[in-house]
Amino acid sequence: MKEEKELKLKEAKEARELKQKIRMQNEYKTSSYQVINPEKLKGMSKKQLRNIKKTQVAQNGAVQLVDIYDGKSGMKKILGKKR
């Protein structure tokens, strides 16, 4: 009984992870890209920055889209250094 429940939970977790992986791949496939200068990013409003994503390679080698602005660290994430 306990083993069946654990098995169900494990299968559900694997299904969620697979679904998330497929979702990320599809998001990357459908995205369009444009090179934006850091000077241009500095002049953008918070609302505009929320819509911008950058590509990042995960540890497993998959390319994923990541937000550049989280609201807390601001532009530090974009430029990789403190202002």
PDB file of N, CA and C in Angstrom:
ATOM      1  N   MET A   1       0.814  -1.184   0.000  1.00  0.00           N
ATOM      2  CA  MET A   1       0.000   0.000   0.000  1.00  0.00           C
ATOM      3  C   MET A   1       0.863   1.255   0.000  1.00  0.00           C
ATOM      4  N   LYS A   2       1.839   1.273   0.891  1.00  0.00           N
ATOM      5  CA  LYS A   2       2.749   2.408   0.972  1.00  0.00           C
ATOM      6  C   LYS A   2       3.623   2.473  -0.289  1.00  0.00           C
ATOM      7  N   GLU A   3       4.060   1.324  -0.751  1.00  0.00           N
ATOM      8  CA  GLU A   3       4.916   1.257  -1.934  1.00  0.00           C
ATOM      9  C   GLU A   3       4.173   1.724  -3.182  1.00  0.00           C
ATOM     10  N   GLU A   4       2.878   1.362  -3.271  1.00  0.00           N
ATOM     11  CA  GLU A   4       2.070   1.795  -4.405  1.00  0.00           C
ATOM     12  C   GLU A   4       1.942   3.311  -4.447  1.00  0.00           C
ATOM     13  N   LYS A   5       1.746   3.895  -3.273  1.00  0.00           N
ATOM     14  CA  LYS A   5       1.617   5.357  -3.179  1.00  0.00           C
ATOM     15  C   LYS A   5       2.929   6.034  -3.587  1.00  0.00           C
ATOM     16  N   GLU A   6       4.049   5.511  -3.109  1.00  0.00           N
ATOM     17  CA  GLU A   6       5.354   6.052  -3.466  1.00  0.00           C
ATOM     18  C   GLU A   6       5.613   5.926  -4.966  1.00  0.00           C
ATOM     19  N   LEU A   7       5.220   4.800  -5.534  1.00  0.00           N
ATOM     20  CA  LEU A   7       5.384   4.580  -6.962  1.00  0.00           C
ATOM     21  C   LEU A   7       4.551   5.566  -7.771  1.00  0.00           C
ATOM     22  N   LYS A   8       3.310   5.807  -7.324  1.00  0.00           N
ATOM     23  CA  LYS A   8       2.444   6.781  -8.000  1.00  0.00           C
ATOM     24  C   LYS A   8       3.064   8.176  -7.957  1.00  0.00           C
ATOM     25  N   LEU A   9       3.568   8.560  -6.779  1.00  0.00           N
ATOM     26  CA  LEU A   9       4.187   9.874  -6.620  1.00  0.00           C
ATOM     27  C   LEU A   9       5.421  10.014  -7.509  1.00  0.00           C
ATOM     28  N   LYS A  10       6.206   8.957  -7.580  1.00  0.00           N
ATOM     29  CA  LYS A  10       7.413   8.985  -8.408  1.00  0.00           C
ATOM     30  C   LYS A  10       7.053   9.128  -9.884  1.00  0.00           C
ATOM     31  N   GLU A  11       6.032   8.394 -10.337  1.00  0.00           N
ATOM     32  CA  GLU A  11       5.593   8.490 -11.729  1.00  0.00           C
ATOM     33  C   GLU A  11       5.037   9.871 -12.034  1.00  0.00           C
ATOM     34  N   ALA A  12       4.296  10.446 -11.097  1.00  0.00           N
ATOM     35  CA  ALA A  12       3.738  11.780 -11.292  1.00  0.00           C
ATOM     36  C   ALA A  12       4.858  12.817 -11.389  1.00  0.00           C
ATOM     37  N   LYS A  13       5.890  12.653 -10.564  1.00  0.00           N
ATOM     38  CA  LYS A  13       7.018  13.580 -10.584  1.00  0.00           C
ATOM     39  C   LYS A  13       7.756  13.503 -11.917  1.00  0.00           C
ATOM     40  N   GLU A  14       7.969  12.289 -12.409  1.00  0.00           N
ATOM     41  CA  GLU A  14       8.646  12.106 -13.696  1.00  0.00           C
ATOM     42  C   GLU A  14       7.822  12.706 -14.833  1.00  0.00           C
ATOM     43  N   ALA A  15       6.505  12.540 -14.769  1.00  0.00           N
ATOM     44  CA  ALA A  15       5.627  13.103 -15.801  1.00  0.00           C
ATOM     45  C   ALA A  15       5.680  14.632 -15.781  1.00  0.00           C
ATOM     46  N   ARG A  16       5.698  15.223 -14.576  1.00  0.00           N
ATOM     47  CA  ARG A  16       5.795  16.683 -14.452  1.00  0.00           C
ATOM     48  C   ARG A  16       7.104  17.202 -15.025  1.00  0.00           C
ATOM     49  N   GLU A  17       8.201  16.515 -14.702  1.00  0.00           N
ATOM     50  CA  GLU A  17       9.515  16.933 -15.193  1.00  0.00           C
ATOM     51  C   GLU A  17       9.587  16.845 -16.718  1.00  0.00           C
ATOM     52  N   LEU A  18       9.042  15.778 -17.285  1.00  0.00           N
ATOM     53  CA  LEU A  18       9.025  15.622 -18.732  1.00  0.00           C
ATOM     54  C   LEU A  18       8.189  16.720 -19.394  1.00  0.00           C
ATOM     55  N   LYS A  19       7.040  17.009 -18.799  1.00  0.00           N
ATOM     56  CA  LYS A  19       6.161  18.053 -19.331  1.00  0.00           C
ATOM     57  C   LYS A  19       6.854  19.415 -19.282  1.00  0.00           C
ATOM     58  N   GLN A  20       7.548  19.700 -18.180  1.00  0.00           N
ATOM     59  CA  GLN A  20       8.270  20.966 -18.035  1.00  0.00           C
ATOM     60  C   GLN A  20       9.392  21.055 -19.062  1.00  0.00           C
ATOM     61  N   LYS A  21      10.091  19.965 -19.305  1.00  0.00           N
ATOM     62  CA  LYS A  21      11.178  19.935 -20.281  1.00  0.00           C
ATOM     63  C   LYS A  21      10.650  20.213 -21.684  1.00  0.00           C
ATOM     64  N   ILE A  22       9.537  19.578 -22.036  1.00  0.00           N
ATOM     65  CA  ILE A  22       8.938  19.792 -23.352  1.00  0.00           C
ATOM     66  C   ILE A  22       8.451  21.228 -23.491  1.00  0.00           C
ATOM     67  N   ARG A  23       7.876  21.768 -22.424  1.00  0.00           N
ATOM     68  CA  ARG A  23       7.397  23.156 -22.440  1.00  0.00           C
ATOM     69  C   ARG A  23       8.552  24.129 -22.683  1.00  0.00           C
ATOM     70  N   MET A  24       9.685  23.898 -22.022  1.00  0.00           N
ATOM     71  CA  MET A  24      10.849  24.772 -22.196  1.00  0.00           C
ATOM     72  C   MET A  24      11.395  24.671 -23.613  1.00  0.00           C
ATOM     73  N   GLN A  25      11.442  23.464 -24.175  1.00  0.00           N
ATOM     74  CA  GLN A  25      11.922  23.284 -25.545  1.00  0.00           C
ATOM     75  C   GLN A  25      11.010  24.002 -26.533  1.00  0.00           C
ATOM     76  N   ASN A  26       9.710  23.891 -26.345  1.00  0.00           N
ATOM     77  CA  ASN A  26       8.770  24.549 -27.241  1.00  0.00           C
ATOM     78  C   ASN A  26       8.844  26.066 -27.129  1.00  0.00           C
ATOM     79  N   GLU A  27       9.048  26.563 -25.913  1.00  0.00           N
ATOM     80  CA  GLU A  27       9.179  28.001 -25.715  1.00  0.00           C
ATOM     81  C   GLU A  27      10.413  28.516 -26.457  1.00  0.00           C
ATOM     82  N   TYR A  28      11.494  27.771 -26.391  1.00  0.00           N
ATOM     83  CA  TYR A  28      12.722  28.183 -27.079  1.00  0.00           C
ATOM     84  C   TYR A  28      12.544  28.127 -28.595  1.00  0.00           C
ATOM     85  N   LYS A  29      11.865  27.095 -29.100  1.00  0.00           N
ATOM     86  CA  LYS A  29      11.661  26.951 -30.538  1.00  0.00           C
ATOM     87  C   LYS A  29      10.828  28.086 -31.119  1.00  0.00           C
ATOM     88  N   THR A  30       9.818  28.530 -30.389  1.00  0.00           N
ATOM     89  CA  THR A  30       8.904  29.544 -30.908  1.00  0.00           C
ATOM     90  C   THR A  30       9.389  30.971 -30.677  1.00  0.00           C
ATOM     91  N   SER A  31      10.472  31.138 -29.953  1.00  0.00           N
ATOM     92  CA  SER A  31      10.931  32.490 -29.640  1.00  0.00           C
ATOM     93  C   SER A  31      11.691  33.100 -30.810  1.00  0.00           C
ATOM     94  N   SER A  32      11.628  34.414 -30.875  1.00  0.00           N
ATOM     95  CA  SER A  32      12.436  35.145 -31.839  1.00  0.00           C
ATOM     96  C   SER A  32      13.490  35.909 -31.034  1.00  0.00           C
ATOM     97  N   TYR A  33      14.581  36.261 -31.666  1.00  0.00           N
ATOM     98  CA  TYR A  33      15.629  36.917 -30.903  1.00  0.00           C
ATOM     99  C   TYR A  33      16.121  38.179 -31.601  1.00  0.00           C
ATOM    100  N   GLN A  34      16.713  39.037 -30.793  1.00  0.00           N
ATOM    101  CA  GLN A  34      17.265  40.299 -31.266  1.00  0.00           C
ATOM    102  C   GLN A  34      18.394  40.670 -30.316  1.00  0.00           C
ATOM    103  N   VAL A  35      19.491  41.159 -30.849  1.00  0.00           N
ATOM    104  CA  VAL A  35      20.618  41.574 -30.022  1.00  0.00           C
ATOM    105  C   VAL A  35      20.348  42.997 -29.541  1.00  0.00           C
ATOM    106  N   ILE A  36      20.406  43.180 -28.222  1.00  0.00           N
ATOM    107  CA  ILE A  36      20.132  44.488 -27.622  1.00  0.00           C
ATOM    108  C   ILE A  36      21.367  44.940 -26.860  1.00  0.00           C
ATOM    109  N   ASN A  37      21.782  46.173 -27.087  1.00  0.00           N
ATOM    110  CA  ASN A  37      22.949  46.731 -26.400  1.00  0.00           C
ATOM    111  C   ASN A  37      22.627  46.996 -24.929  1.00  0.00           C
ATOM    112  N   PRO A  38      23.617  46.829 -24.041  1.00  0.00           N
ATOM    113  CA  PRO A  38      23.390  47.114 -22.612  1.00  0.00           C
ATOM    114  C   PRO A  38      22.980  48.567 -22.356  1.00  0.00           C
ATOM    115  N   GLU A  39      23.446  49.487 -23.185  1.00  0.00           N
ATOM    116  CA  GLU A  39      23.076  50.898 -23.006  1.00  0.00           C
ATOM    117  C   GLU A  39      21.572  51.072 -23.223  1.00  0.00           C
ATOM    118  N   LYS A  40      21.044  50.343 -24.171  1.00  0.00           N
ATOM    119  CA  LYS A  40      19.615  50.413 -24.459  1.00  0.00           C
ATOM    120  C   LYS A  40      18.810  49.798 -23.312  1.00  0.00           C
ATOM    121  N   LEU A  41      19.348  48.742 -22.715  1.00  0.00           N
ATOM    122  CA  LEU A  41      18.668  48.090 -21.599  1.00  0.00           C
ATOM    123  C   LEU A  41      18.583  49.005 -20.385  1.00  0.00           C
ATOM    124  N   LYS A  42      19.607  49.798 -20.175  1.00  0.00           N
ATOM    125  CA  LYS A  42      19.617  50.683 -19.010  1.00  0.00           C
ATOM    126  C   LYS A  42      18.492  51.711 -19.075  1.00  0.00           C
ATOM    127  N   GLY A  43      18.100  52.098 -20.284  1.00  0.00           N
ATOM    128  CA  GLY A  43      17.058  53.103 -20.445  1.00  0.00           C
ATOM    129  C   GLY A  43      15.647  52.540 -20.447  1.00  0.00           C
ATOM    130  N   MET A  44      15.512  51.231 -20.399  1.00  0.00           N
ATOM    131  CA  MET A  44      14.189  50.608 -20.447  1.00  0.00           C
ATOM    132  C   MET A  44      13.505  50.640 -19.081  1.00  0.00           C
ATOM    133  N   SER A  45      12.182  50.660 -19.113  1.00  0.00           N
ATOM    134  CA  SER A  45      11.412  50.635 -17.871  1.00  0.00           C
ATOM    135  C   SER A  45      11.336  49.200 -17.345  1.00  0.00           C
ATOM    136  N   LYS A  46      10.895  49.070 -16.110  1.00  0.00           N
ATOM    137  CA  LYS A  46      10.771  47.753 -15.494  1.00  0.00           C
ATOM    138  C   LYS A  46       9.780  46.889 -16.267  1.00  0.00           C
ATOM    139  N   LYS A  47       8.729  47.508 -16.749  1.00  0.00           N
ATOM    140  CA  LYS A  47       7.702  46.772 -17.486  1.00  0.00           C
ATOM    141  C   LYS A  47       8.284  46.175 -18.765  1.00  0.00           C
ATOM    142  N   GLN A  48       9.125  46.944 -19.451  1.00  0.00           N
ATOM    143  CA  GLN A  48       9.751  46.452 -20.685  1.00  0.00           C
ATOM    144  C   GLN A  48      10.754  45.345 -20.375  1.00  0.00           C
ATOM    145  N   LEU A  49      11.494  45.480 -19.292  1.00  0.00           N
ATOM    146  CA  LEU A  49      12.511  44.493 -18.933  1.00  0.00           C
ATOM    147  C   LEU A  49      11.904  43.144 -18.559  1.00  0.00           C
ATOM    148  N   ARG A  50      10.677  43.147 -18.056  1.00  0.00           N
ATOM    149  CA  ARG A  50      10.027  41.885 -17.696  1.00  0.00           C
ATOM    150  C   ARG A  50       9.760  41.013 -18.908  1.00  0.00           C
ATOM    151  N   ASN A  51       9.643  41.636 -20.079  1.00  0.00           N
ATOM    152  CA  ASN A  51       9.333  40.889 -21.300  1.00  0.00           C
ATOM    153  C   ASN A  51      10.577  40.350 -21.998  1.00  0.00           C
ATOM    154  N   ILE A  52      11.749  40.734 -21.554  1.00  0.00           N
ATOM    155  CA  ILE A  52      12.987  40.321 -22.203  1.00  0.00           C
ATOM    156  C   ILE A  52      13.551  39.093 -21.501  1.00  0.00           C
ATOM    157  N   LYS A  53      14.002  38.131 -22.288  1.00  0.00           N
ATOM    158  CA  LYS A  53      14.631  36.930 -21.750  1.00  0.00           C
ATOM    159  C   LYS A  53      15.956  36.712 -22.458  1.00  0.00           C
ATOM    160  N   LYS A  54      16.865  36.030 -21.792  1.00  0.00           N
ATOM    161  CA  LYS A  54      18.141  35.682 -22.420  1.00  0.00           C
ATOM    162  C   LYS A  54      18.279  34.166 -22.430  1.00  0.00           C
ATOM    163  N   THR A  55      19.125  33.668 -23.313  1.00  0.00           N
ATOM    164  CA  THR A  55      19.338  32.231 -23.378  1.00  0.00           C
ATOM    165  C   THR A  55      20.435  31.843 -22.402  1.00  0.00           C
ATOM    166  N   GLN A  56      20.282  30.670 -21.825  1.00  0.00           N
ATOM    167  CA  GLN A  56      21.253  30.154 -20.875  1.00  0.00           C
ATOM    168  C   GLN A  56      21.323  28.645 -21.063  1.00  0.00           C
ATOM    169  N   VAL A  57      22.523  28.112 -20.999  1.00  0.00           N
ATOM    170  CA  VAL A  57      22.697  26.671 -21.146  1.00  0.00           C
ATOM    171  C   VAL A  57      22.667  26.040 -19.755  1.00  0.00           C
ATOM    172  N   ALA A  58      21.770  25.088 -19.568  1.00  0.00           N
ATOM    173  CA  ALA A  58      21.636  24.400 -18.287  1.00  0.00           C
ATOM    174  C   ALA A  58      22.756  23.372 -18.138  1.00  0.00           C
ATOM    175  N   GLN A  59      22.863  22.786 -16.966  1.00  0.00           N
ATOM    176  CA  GLN A  59      23.911  21.807 -16.693  1.00  0.00           C
ATOM    177  C   GLN A  59      23.774  20.569 -17.564  1.00  0.00           C
ATOM    178  N   ASN A  60      22.539  20.236 -17.945  1.00  0.00           N
ATOM    179  CA  ASN A  60      22.340  19.058 -18.785  1.00  0.00           C
ATOM    180  C   ASN A  60      22.561  19.354 -20.262  1.00  0.00           C
ATOM    181  N   GLY A  61      22.908  20.591 -20.603  1.00  0.00           N
ATOM    182  CA  GLY A  61      23.212  20.958 -21.983  1.00  0.00           C
ATOM    183  C   GLY A  61      22.041  21.532 -22.746  1.00  0.00           C
ATOM    184  N   ALA A  62      20.871  21.600 -22.134  1.00  0.00           N
ATOM    185  CA  ALA A  62      19.693  22.145 -22.806  1.00  0.00           C
ATOM    186  C   ALA A  62      19.714  23.669 -22.739  1.00  0.00           C
ATOM    187  N   VAL A  63      19.321  24.294 -23.826  1.00  0.00           N
ATOM    188  CA  VAL A  63      19.237  25.753 -23.868  1.00  0.00           C
ATOM    189  C   VAL A  63      17.869  26.159 -23.341  1.00  0.00           C
ATOM    190  N   GLN A  64      17.860  27.134 -22.422  1.00  0.00           N
ATOM    191  CA  GLN A  64      16.598  27.582 -21.861  1.00  0.00           C
ATOM    192  C   GLN A  64      16.546  29.108 -21.842  1.00  0.00           C
ATOM    193  N   LEU A  65      15.345  29.655 -21.794  1.00  0.00           N
ATOM    194  CA  LEU A  65      15.152  31.091 -21.717  1.00  0.00           C
ATOM    195  C   LEU A  65      14.999  31.493 -20.259  1.00  0.00           C
ATOM    196  N   VAL A  66      15.711  32.561 -19.853  1.00  0.00           N
ATOM    197  CA  VAL A  66      15.724  32.995 -18.463  1.00  0.00           C
ATOM    198  C   VAL A  66      15.417  34.486 -18.424  1.00  0.00           C
ATOM    199  N   ASP A  67      14.616  34.916 -17.440  1.00  0.00           N
ATOM    200  CA  ASP A  67      14.334  36.337 -17.269  1.00  0.00           C
ATOM    201  C   ASP A  67      15.613  37.073 -16.913  1.00  0.00           C
ATOM    202  N   ILE A  68      15.755  38.300 -17.423  1.00  0.00           N
ATOM    203  CA  ILE A  68      16.944  39.074 -17.092  1.00  0.00           C
ATOM    204  C   ILE A  68      16.678  40.029 -15.936  1.00  0.00           C
ATOM    205  N   TYR A  69      15.426  40.300 -15.663  1.00  0.00           N
ATOM    206  CA  TYR A  69      15.085  41.253 -14.612  1.00  0.00           C
ATOM    207  C   TYR A  69      14.166  40.580 -13.615  1.00  0.00           C
ATOM    208  N   ASP A  70      14.589  40.535 -12.349  1.00  0.00           N
ATOM    209  CA  ASP A  70      13.746  39.910 -11.335  1.00  0.00           C
ATOM    210  C   ASP A  70      13.133  40.919 -10.380  1.00  0.00           C
ATOM    211  N   GLY A  71      13.434  42.204 -10.559  1.00  0.00           N
ATOM    212  CA  GLY A  71      12.843  43.224  -9.702  1.00  0.00           C
ATOM    213  C   GLY A  71      13.648  43.511  -8.458  1.00  0.00           C
ATOM    214  N   LYS A  72      14.430  42.553  -7.977  1.00  0.00           N
ATOM    215  CA  LYS A  72      15.203  42.750  -6.749  1.00  0.00           C
ATOM    216  C   LYS A  72      16.612  43.233  -7.061  1.00  0.00           C
ATOM    217  N   SER A  73      17.311  42.494  -7.906  1.00  0.00           N
ATOM    218  CA  SER A  73      18.689  42.855  -8.201  1.00  0.00           C
ATOM    219  C   SER A  73      18.771  43.827  -9.365  1.00  0.00           C
ATOM    220  N   GLY A  74      17.664  44.040 -10.063  1.00  0.00           N
ATOM    221  CA  GLY A  74      17.631  45.007 -11.151  1.00  0.00           C
ATOM    222  C   GLY A  74      18.572  44.653 -12.270  1.00  0.00           C
ATOM    223  N   MET A  75      19.410  45.585 -12.651  1.00  0.00           N
ATOM    224  CA  MET A  75      20.287  45.428 -13.800  1.00  0.00           C
ATOM    225  C   MET A  75      21.541  44.635 -13.474  1.00  0.00           C
ATOM    226  N   LYS A  76      21.786  44.304 -12.219  1.00  0.00           N
ATOM    227  CA  LYS A  76      22.986  43.546 -11.862  1.00  0.00           C
ATOM    228  C   LYS A  76      23.038  42.227 -12.625  1.00  0.00           C
ATOM    229  N   LYS A  77      21.872  41.585 -12.786  1.00  0.00           N
ATOM    230  CA  LYS A  77      21.802  40.319 -13.471  1.00  0.00           C
ATOM    231  C   LYS A  77      22.208  40.462 -14.937  1.00  0.00           C
ATOM    232  N   ILE A  78      21.828  41.568 -15.544  1.00  0.00           N
ATOM    233  CA  ILE A  78      22.095  41.788 -16.963  1.00  0.00           C
ATOM    234  C   ILE A  78      23.584  42.032 -17.204  1.00  0.00           C
ATOM    235  N   LEU A  79      24.139  42.939 -16.432  1.00  0.00           N
ATOM    236  CA  LEU A  79      25.517  43.355 -16.651  1.00  0.00           C
ATOM    237  C   LEU A  79      26.518  42.462 -15.933  1.00  0.00           C
ATOM    238  N   GLY A  80      26.076  41.711 -14.960  1.00  0.00           N
ATOM    239  CA  GLY A  80      26.959  40.801 -14.249  1.00  0.00           C
ATOM    240  C   GLY A  80      27.849  41.485 -13.235  1.00  0.00           C
ATOM    241  N   LYS A  81      27.545  42.718 -12.889  1.00  0.00           N
ATOM    242  CA  LYS A  81      28.328  43.433 -11.886  1.00  0.00           C
ATOM    243  C   LYS A  81      27.446  44.459 -11.194  1.00  0.00           C
ATOM    244  N   LYS A  82      27.942  44.981 -10.095  1.00  0.00           N
ATOM    245  CA  LYS A  82      27.185  46.002  -9.363  1.00  0.00           C
ATOM    246  C   LYS A  82      27.355  47.348 -10.035  1.00  0.00           C
ATOM    247  N   ARG A  83      26.345  48.166  -9.880  1.00  0.00           N
ATOM    248  CA  ARG A  83      26.436  49.533 -10.439  1.00  0.00           C
ATOM    249  C   ARG A  83      27.231  50.428  -9.539  1.00  0.00           C
TER     250      ARG A  83
END
